Amino acid sequence: HRSDFPERGPPRDLREGKRTLMLIHLVGAVEGADAAFVESFLGLAPEDRDDDTLERVLELMVVHGSIEFAEDYARGIAGAALDAYDAAFAGAAPGDASRFVRGLVPYMLDRRH
């Protein structure tokens, strides 16, 4: 997954220290020196998070399965959303509007920005 990032740099959410699902998972997964590193990372101001530090956090996310965990979680929620949509609108007339609304779920899952 690391190869997803080089052309556009580290994700802005990570630089800003937003508590994303991936970061929350990582906090629960790391131990020892890695846990201390992540804790110190979270204590830094966004402008103090340099690219090397962000790359290390990303590497830890890959090693500990945090990115995969978040992707699996998102797929599960998307599947539940589609099931709920299909049940809620089973009696609705098909058309462009309903296809558009139903298509928002996979679009949000697949977007990369």
Protein backbone atom coordinates (compact mmCIF):
# COMPACT_ATOMS: atom_id res chain seq x y z
CA HIS A 1 0.00 0.00 0.00
CA ARG A 2 2.93 2.32 0.53
CA SER A 3 3.22 2.59 -3.24
CA ASP A 4 -0.14 4.41 -3.23
CA PHE A 5 1.43 7.49 -1.64
CA PRO A 6 4.73 8.61 -3.27
CA GLU A 7 3.40 10.71 -6.14
CA ARG A 8 1.23 12.86 -3.90
CA GLY A 9 3.09 12.63 -0.61
CA PRO A 10 1.82 11.38 2.74
CA PRO A 11 -1.94 11.62 3.36
CA ARG A 12 -3.00 15.01 4.70
CA ASP A 13 -5.08 13.35 7.45
CA LEU A 14 -1.94 11.71 8.78
CA ARG A 15 0.07 14.94 8.74
CA GLU A 16 -2.80 16.67 10.56
CA GLY A 17 -2.95 13.85 13.10
CA LYS A 18 -6.63 13.15 12.54
CA ARG A 19 -7.75 10.14 14.52
CA THR A 20 -8.66 7.99 11.54
CA LEU A 21 -9.62 4.34 11.83
CA MET A 22 -6.15 3.37 10.57
CA LEU A 23 -4.42 5.46 13.21
CA ILE A 24 -6.72 4.23 15.99
CA HIS A 25 -6.00 0.64 14.92
CA LEU A 26 -2.28 1.33 14.90
CA VAL A 27 -2.34 2.77 18.42
CA GLY A 28 -3.93 -0.46 19.63
CA ALA A 29 -1.53 -2.68 17.69
CA VAL A 30 1.92 -1.26 18.45
CA GLU A 31 4.03 -2.12 21.47
CA GLY A 32 7.30 -1.04 23.03
CA ALA A 33 9.42 1.44 21.11
CA ASP A 34 6.88 1.59 18.27
CA ALA A 35 4.13 2.52 20.73
CA ALA A 36 6.33 5.26 22.18
CA PHE A 37 7.07 6.54 18.68
CA VAL A 38 3.37 6.68 17.74
CA GLU A 39 2.52 8.40 21.00
CA SER A 40 5.21 11.02 20.41
CA PHE A 41 3.96 11.45 16.82
CA LEU A 42 0.46 12.17 18.10
CA GLY A 43 1.90 14.81 20.43
CA LEU A 44 3.57 16.73 17.60
CA ALA A 45 2.06 19.79 15.98
CA PRO A 46 1.19 19.17 12.28
CA GLU A 47 4.01 21.43 11.11
CA ASP A 48 6.49 19.33 13.12
CA ARG A 49 5.52 16.07 11.40
CA ASP A 50 8.20 15.73 8.73
CA ASP A 51 8.03 13.34 5.78
CA ASP A 52 10.39 10.80 7.39
CA THR A 53 8.17 10.61 10.47
CA LEU A 54 5.06 10.25 8.33
CA GLU A 55 6.71 7.50 6.27
CA ARG A 56 7.55 5.62 9.47
CA VAL A 57 3.95 5.85 10.66
CA LEU A 58 2.77 4.59 7.25
CA GLU A 59 5.23 1.71 7.42
CA LEU A 60 3.94 0.79 10.86
CA MET A 61 0.38 0.90 9.51
CA VAL A 62 1.33 -1.55 6.77
CA VAL A 63 3.27 -3.87 9.11
CA HIS A 64 0.47 -3.97 11.68
CA GLY A 65 -2.35 -4.30 9.13
CA SER A 66 -3.98 -0.96 9.96
CA ILE A 67 -4.63 -0.01 6.33
CA GLU A 68 -6.02 -3.43 5.49
CA PHE A 69 -8.17 -3.32 8.65
CA ALA A 70 -9.69 0.03 7.63
CA GLU A 71 -10.29 -1.14 4.05
CA ASP A 72 -12.01 -4.32 5.27
CA TYR A 73 -14.11 -2.29 7.70
CA ALA A 74 -15.14 0.11 4.93
CA ARG A 75 -16.11 -2.77 2.64
CA GLY A 76 -18.25 -4.23 5.42
CA ILE A 77 -20.04 -0.95 6.01
CA ALA A 78 -20.53 -0.44 2.27
CA GLY A 79 -22.06 -3.91 1.94
CA ALA A 80 -24.42 -3.19 4.82
CA ALA A 81 -25.35 0.17 3.25
CA LEU A 82 -26.16 -1.47 -0.09
CA ASP A 83 -28.24 -4.16 1.63
CA ALA A 84 -30.14 -1.49 3.57
CA TYR A 85 -30.65 0.59 0.42
CA ASP A 86 -31.96 -2.41 -1.51
CA ALA A 87 -34.38 -3.28 1.31
CA ALA A 88 -35.55 0.30 1.83
CA PHE A 89 -36.13 1.03 -1.85
CA ALA A 90 -37.24 -2.41 -3.04
CA GLY A 91 -40.64 -1.02 -4.05
CA ALA A 92 -39.33 2.14 -5.70
CA ALA A 93 -39.48 2.55 -9.43
CA PRO A 94 -36.07 2.05 -11.04
CA GLY A 95 -34.55 5.04 -12.75
CA ASP A 96 -31.53 7.28 -13.15
CA ALA A 97 -31.99 8.94 -9.76
CA SER A 98 -32.15 5.68 -7.81
CA ARG A 99 -29.16 4.25 -9.71
CA PHE A 100 -27.22 7.43 -8.96
CA VAL A 101 -27.97 7.31 -5.22
CA ARG A 102 -27.16 3.59 -5.00
CA GLY A 103 -23.93 4.23 -6.94
CA LEU A 104 -22.75 6.69 -4.28
CA VAL A 105 -21.81 3.81 -1.94
CA PRO A 106 -19.23 2.14 -4.20
CA TYR A 107 -18.02 5.57 -5.36
CA MET A 108 -17.23 6.61 -1.79
CA LEU A 109 -15.53 3.28 -1.15
CA ASP A 110 -13.34 3.52 -4.26
CA ARG A 111 -12.34 7.19 -4.08
CA ARG A 112 -8.71 7.95 -3.29
CA HIS A 113 -8.67 11.66 -2.39
